[in-house]
């Protein structure tokens, strides 16, 4: 079994238009626009058309594209607008923290003047736990305690299993059928953690302290391990 924990995809550049596309698997990138498909984080086809229009008159149009072009970095020496048409109800894009789309009529269109505020993968995390003792990242941090994997997809939409982290102090975090946005787990130091898991997919698993758990599972296979950070 081979596990890939680095960026797997390069960039596709449009030098004429000053537009650079970055795969969702490239954690070293930064971007101004992020495309979203609410039914699949690692989408095969974003059902719409987008045109980037630069202040120097340059344009670039993409349509029905995959998550290989999920993030877009623009030439910051220009001002940009984005003209879009949606052919899928649950697609959209994010610019400067504002989400456009997500509940679309077929053929719905518009134009947005873009704000060139850079976002980075390194800052993305999911604080879905209530106590703050467990945090998640889609990019490999310098220090982490658990790495989830799906052998059939580096950037997975749904790790089909249940996981619960608990400690004697009462901290608890629960995950179920989650995406690669929670691939890396950072646990709060000073506790002895229990990690209970159940696999509902044969080729998923996780790595703790260099030891692999899973990867050839029976449906419903479960277990428990201790992660001592005291």
Protein backbone atom coordinates (compact mmCIF):
# COMPACT_ATOMS: atom_id res chain seq x y z
CA UNK A 1 0.00 0.00 0.00
CA UNK A 2 1.33 3.45 -0.88
CA UNK A 3 0.07 6.56 0.88
CA UNK A 4 0.54 9.99 -0.65
CA UNK A 5 0.51 12.88 1.77
CA UNK A 6 1.89 15.63 -0.44
CA UNK A 7 0.34 17.70 -3.24
CA UNK A 8 -0.41 15.39 -6.14
CA UNK A 9 -1.33 17.84 -8.83
CA UNK A 10 0.49 20.66 -10.50
CA UNK A 11 -0.94 23.86 -11.82
CA UNK A 12 -2.51 24.65 -15.18
CA UNK A 13 -1.62 28.17 -16.13
CA UNK A 14 -3.23 30.59 -18.51
CA UNK A 15 -0.33 33.02 -19.03
CA UNK A 16 -2.23 35.22 -21.46
CA UNK A 17 -4.91 35.98 -18.89
CA UNK A 18 -2.83 35.87 -15.71
CA UNK A 19 -5.02 33.10 -14.32
CA UNK A 20 -3.59 30.10 -12.46
CA UNK A 21 -5.60 27.06 -11.44
CA UNK A 22 -4.69 24.91 -8.44
CA UNK A 23 -5.92 21.42 -7.63
CA UNK A 24 -7.77 20.74 -4.40
CA UNK A 25 -4.92 18.32 -3.60
CA UNK A 26 -2.28 21.08 -3.72
CA UNK A 27 -1.88 22.28 -0.14
CA UNK A 28 0.91 24.70 -0.93
CA UNK A 29 -1.26 27.02 -2.98
CA UNK A 30 -3.04 30.28 -2.34
CA UNK A 31 -6.02 31.61 -4.22
CA UNK A 32 -8.57 34.36 -4.76
CA UNK A 33 -11.53 32.25 -5.93
CA UNK A 34 -12.65 28.81 -4.73
CA UNK A 35 -15.22 26.79 -6.69
CA UNK A 36 -17.68 24.66 -4.73
CA UNK A 37 -19.87 21.68 -5.60
CA UNK A 38 -22.01 20.99 -2.55
CA UNK A 39 -22.58 17.35 -3.56
CA UNK A 40 -18.91 16.46 -4.06
CA UNK A 41 -15.82 18.21 -2.71
CA UNK A 42 -13.65 16.34 -5.23
CA UNK A 43 -15.94 17.01 -8.21
CA UNK A 44 -15.48 15.58 -11.68
CA UNK A 45 -17.45 18.32 -13.42
CA UNK A 46 -18.57 21.74 -12.15
CA UNK A 47 -21.76 22.24 -14.15
CA UNK A 48 -21.38 25.80 -15.32
CA UNK A 49 -19.33 28.33 -17.24
CA UNK A 50 -17.05 31.02 -15.84
CA UNK A 51 -15.25 33.87 -17.59
CA UNK A 52 -12.48 35.88 -15.91
CA UNK A 53 -12.16 39.41 -17.33
CA UNK A 54 -9.03 41.44 -16.55
CA UNK A 55 -8.72 45.22 -16.58
CA UNK A 56 -6.16 44.94 -19.42
CA UNK A 57 -8.84 43.36 -21.63
CA UNK A 58 -7.62 39.77 -21.21
CA UNK A 59 -10.23 37.04 -20.74
CA UNK A 60 -10.24 33.36 -19.92
CA UNK A 61 -13.25 31.06 -20.00
CA UNK A 62 -13.63 27.62 -18.42
CA UNK A 63 -16.67 25.35 -18.36
CA UNK A 64 -17.66 21.96 -16.95
CA UNK A 65 -14.27 21.64 -15.23
CA UNK A 66 -13.04 19.33 -12.47
CA UNK A 67 -11.61 20.02 -9.01
CA UNK A 68 -8.18 20.14 -10.65
CA UNK A 69 -9.18 23.80 -11.19
CA UNK A 70 -10.92 24.28 -7.85
CA UNK A 71 -8.79 27.23 -6.70
CA UNK A 72 -7.92 30.25 -8.85
CA UNK A 73 -5.05 32.70 -8.36
CA UNK A 74 -5.26 35.92 -10.37
CA UNK A 75 -2.67 38.49 -11.46
CA UNK A 76 -2.84 41.05 -8.64
CA UNK A 77 -1.54 43.87 -10.85
CA UNK A 78 -4.96 43.88 -12.57
CA UNK A 79 -8.54 44.26 -11.42
CA UNK A 80 -10.85 41.35 -12.27
CA UNK A 81 -14.50 40.54 -12.73
CA UNK A 82 -16.07 37.11 -13.00
CA UNK A 83 -19.01 36.37 -15.27
CA UNK A 84 -20.77 33.12 -14.42
CA UNK A 85 -23.60 30.86 -15.57
CA UNK A 86 -24.84 27.98 -13.42
CA UNK A 87 -26.21 24.78 -15.00
CA UNK A 88 -26.30 22.85 -11.74
CA UNK A 89 -28.33 23.75 -8.67
CA UNK A 90 -25.77 23.18 -5.90
CA UNK A 91 -22.60 24.71 -7.34
CA UNK A 92 -21.10 28.09 -6.57
CA UNK A 93 -17.90 29.93 -5.75
CA UNK A 94 -16.32 31.88 -2.90
CA UNK A 95 -14.48 35.19 -3.14
CA UNK A 96 -13.30 37.21 -0.14
CA UNK A 97 -15.40 35.06 2.19
CA UNK A 98 -18.63 35.63 0.24
CA UNK A 99 -20.43 32.60 -1.23
CA UNK A 100 -22.23 32.97 -4.57
CA UNK A 101 -24.64 30.27 -5.77
CA UNK A 102 -25.63 27.08 -4.02
CA UNK A 103 -29.35 27.18 -4.79
CA UNK A 104 -29.44 27.99 -8.49
CA UNK A 105 -31.98 28.00 -11.26
CA UNK A 106 -30.79 26.38 -14.49
CA UNK A 107 -28.97 28.99 -16.57
CA UNK A 108 -28.81 31.53 -13.73
CA UNK A 109 -26.05 34.04 -14.46
CA UNK A 110 -24.37 37.21 -13.21
CA UNK A 111 -21.16 39.20 -12.96
CA UNK A 112 -19.09 39.85 -9.81
CA UNK A 113 -16.26 42.32 -9.31
CA UNK A 114 -13.65 40.24 -7.52
CA UNK A 115 -11.77 41.23 -4.37
CA UNK A 116 -8.17 39.98 -4.55
CA UNK A 117 -7.78 38.76 -0.98
CA UNK A 118 -5.51 35.70 -0.87
CA UNK A 119 -6.65 32.59 0.96
CA UNK A 120 -4.35 29.67 1.81
CA UNK A 121 -4.94 25.97 2.43
CA UNK A 122 -2.72 26.07 5.48
CA UNK A 123 -5.22 28.23 7.35
CA UNK A 124 -8.22 26.02 6.63
CA UNK A 125 -9.51 23.83 9.44
CA UNK A 126 -12.74 22.45 10.75
CA UNK A 127 -13.61 23.36 14.32
CA UNK A 128 -16.70 21.19 14.41
CA UNK A 129 -15.95 19.99 17.94
CA UNK A 130 -17.51 22.05 20.70
CA UNK A 131 -14.64 22.03 23.19
CA UNK A 132 -11.76 23.08 20.96
CA UNK A 133 -9.54 20.23 22.13
CA UNK A 134 -9.61 18.55 18.70
CA UNK A 135 -8.93 20.33 15.42
CA UNK A 136 -8.73 19.18 11.80
CA UNK A 137 -6.83 20.19 8.68
CA UNK A 138 -6.87 19.23 5.00
CA UNK A 139 -3.17 20.07 4.66
CA UNK A 140 -0.38 18.31 6.49
CA UNK A 141 0.52 20.36 9.60
CA UNK A 142 3.98 20.35 11.16
CA UNK A 143 2.58 18.39 14.11
CA UNK A 144 -0.46 16.10 14.03
CA UNK A 145 -1.58 12.92 15.75
CA UNK A 146 -3.88 11.09 13.30
CA UNK A 147 -3.90 10.92 9.49
CA UNK A 148 -6.96 9.46 7.74
CA UNK A 149 -6.66 7.92 4.29
CA UNK A 150 -8.84 6.44 1.59
CA UNK A 151 -6.83 4.19 -0.74
CA UNK A 152 -9.15 4.98 -3.67
CA UNK A 153 -8.88 8.79 -3.39
CA UNK A 154 -6.27 11.20 -2.05
CA UNK A 155 -8.84 14.01 -1.82
CA UNK A 156 -11.83 11.99 -0.63
CA UNK A 157 -15.41 13.21 -0.40
CA UNK A 158 -16.45 10.78 2.32
CA UNK A 159 -14.41 8.58 4.63
CA UNK A 160 -17.11 5.99 5.22
CA UNK A 161 -16.83 5.25 8.92
CA UNK A 162 -17.35 6.56 12.45
CA UNK A 163 -14.67 7.93 14.75
CA UNK A 164 -14.92 9.31 18.27
CA UNK A 165 -12.17 10.98 20.31
CA UNK A 166 -12.64 11.18 24.10
CA UNK A 167 -10.51 11.82 27.16
CA UNK A 168 -11.12 11.47 30.93
CA UNK A 169 -11.54 15.25 31.29
CA UNK A 170 -14.77 15.08 29.30
CA UNK A 171 -13.59 16.37 25.92
CA UNK A 172 -15.31 14.65 23.01
CA UNK A 173 -15.31 14.93 19.22
CA UNK A 174 -17.27 12.72 16.83
CA UNK A 175 -16.80 12.24 13.08
CA UNK A 176 -18.91 10.28 10.60
CA UNK A 177 -18.61 9.98 6.81
CA UNK A 178 -16.35 13.03 6.62
CA UNK A 179 -14.30 14.53 3.81
CA UNK A 180 -10.55 15.07 3.42
CA UNK A 181 -11.00 18.54 4.91
CA UNK A 182 -10.56 16.62 8.18
CA UNK A 183 -7.73 14.39 7.00
CA UNK A 184 -5.25 15.41 9.71
CA UNK A 185 -6.22 15.53 13.40
CA UNK A 186 -4.48 17.56 16.07
CA UNK A 187 -5.31 16.56 19.65
CA UNK A 188 -4.74 18.78 22.66
CA UNK A 189 -1.66 17.89 24.66
CA UNK A 190 -1.85 16.90 28.32
CA UNK A 191 -4.51 14.18 27.94
CA UNK A 192 -4.76 10.44 27.38
CA UNK A 193 -7.10 10.12 24.40
CA UNK A 194 -9.24 7.15 23.38
CA UNK A 195 -10.03 6.80 19.69
CA UNK A 196 -12.96 4.49 18.89
CA UNK A 197 -13.52 3.66 15.23
CA UNK A 198 -15.79 1.67 12.93
CA UNK A 199 -15.08 1.04 9.23
CA UNK A 200 -17.90 0.82 6.65
CA UNK A 201 -15.57 0.84 3.64
CA UNK A 202 -12.91 -1.75 2.96
CA UNK A 203 -10.02 0.49 1.85
CA UNK A 204 -10.09 3.27 4.42
CA UNK A 205 -7.97 3.60 7.54
CA UNK A 206 -5.75 5.88 9.57
CA UNK A 207 -2.18 6.21 10.78
CA UNK A 208 -1.08 6.94 14.37
CA UNK A 209 2.61 7.08 15.38
CA UNK A 210 3.57 5.49 12.08
CA UNK A 211 1.29 2.48 12.61
CA UNK A 212 -1.41 1.75 10.05
CA UNK A 213 -4.93 0.74 11.10
CA UNK A 214 -7.34 -0.48 8.42
CA UNK A 215 -6.91 -0.69 4.67
CA UNK A 216 -8.46 -4.15 4.27
CA UNK A 217 -11.62 -4.00 6.36
CA UNK A 218 -14.78 -6.00 6.87
CA UNK A 219 -17.97 -3.95 6.89
CA UNK A 220 -18.60 -2.78 10.45
CA UNK A 221 -15.13 -3.72 11.68
CA UNK A 222 -14.35 -1.70 14.80
CA UNK A 223 -11.77 -1.14 17.47
CA UNK A 224 -10.25 1.27 19.97
CA UNK A 225 -6.77 2.66 20.50
CA UNK A 226 -5.16 4.89 23.10
CA UNK A 227 -3.18 8.01 22.20
CA UNK A 228 -1.21 9.14 25.24
CA UNK A 229 -0.32 12.84 25.10
CA UNK A 230 0.00 13.27 28.86
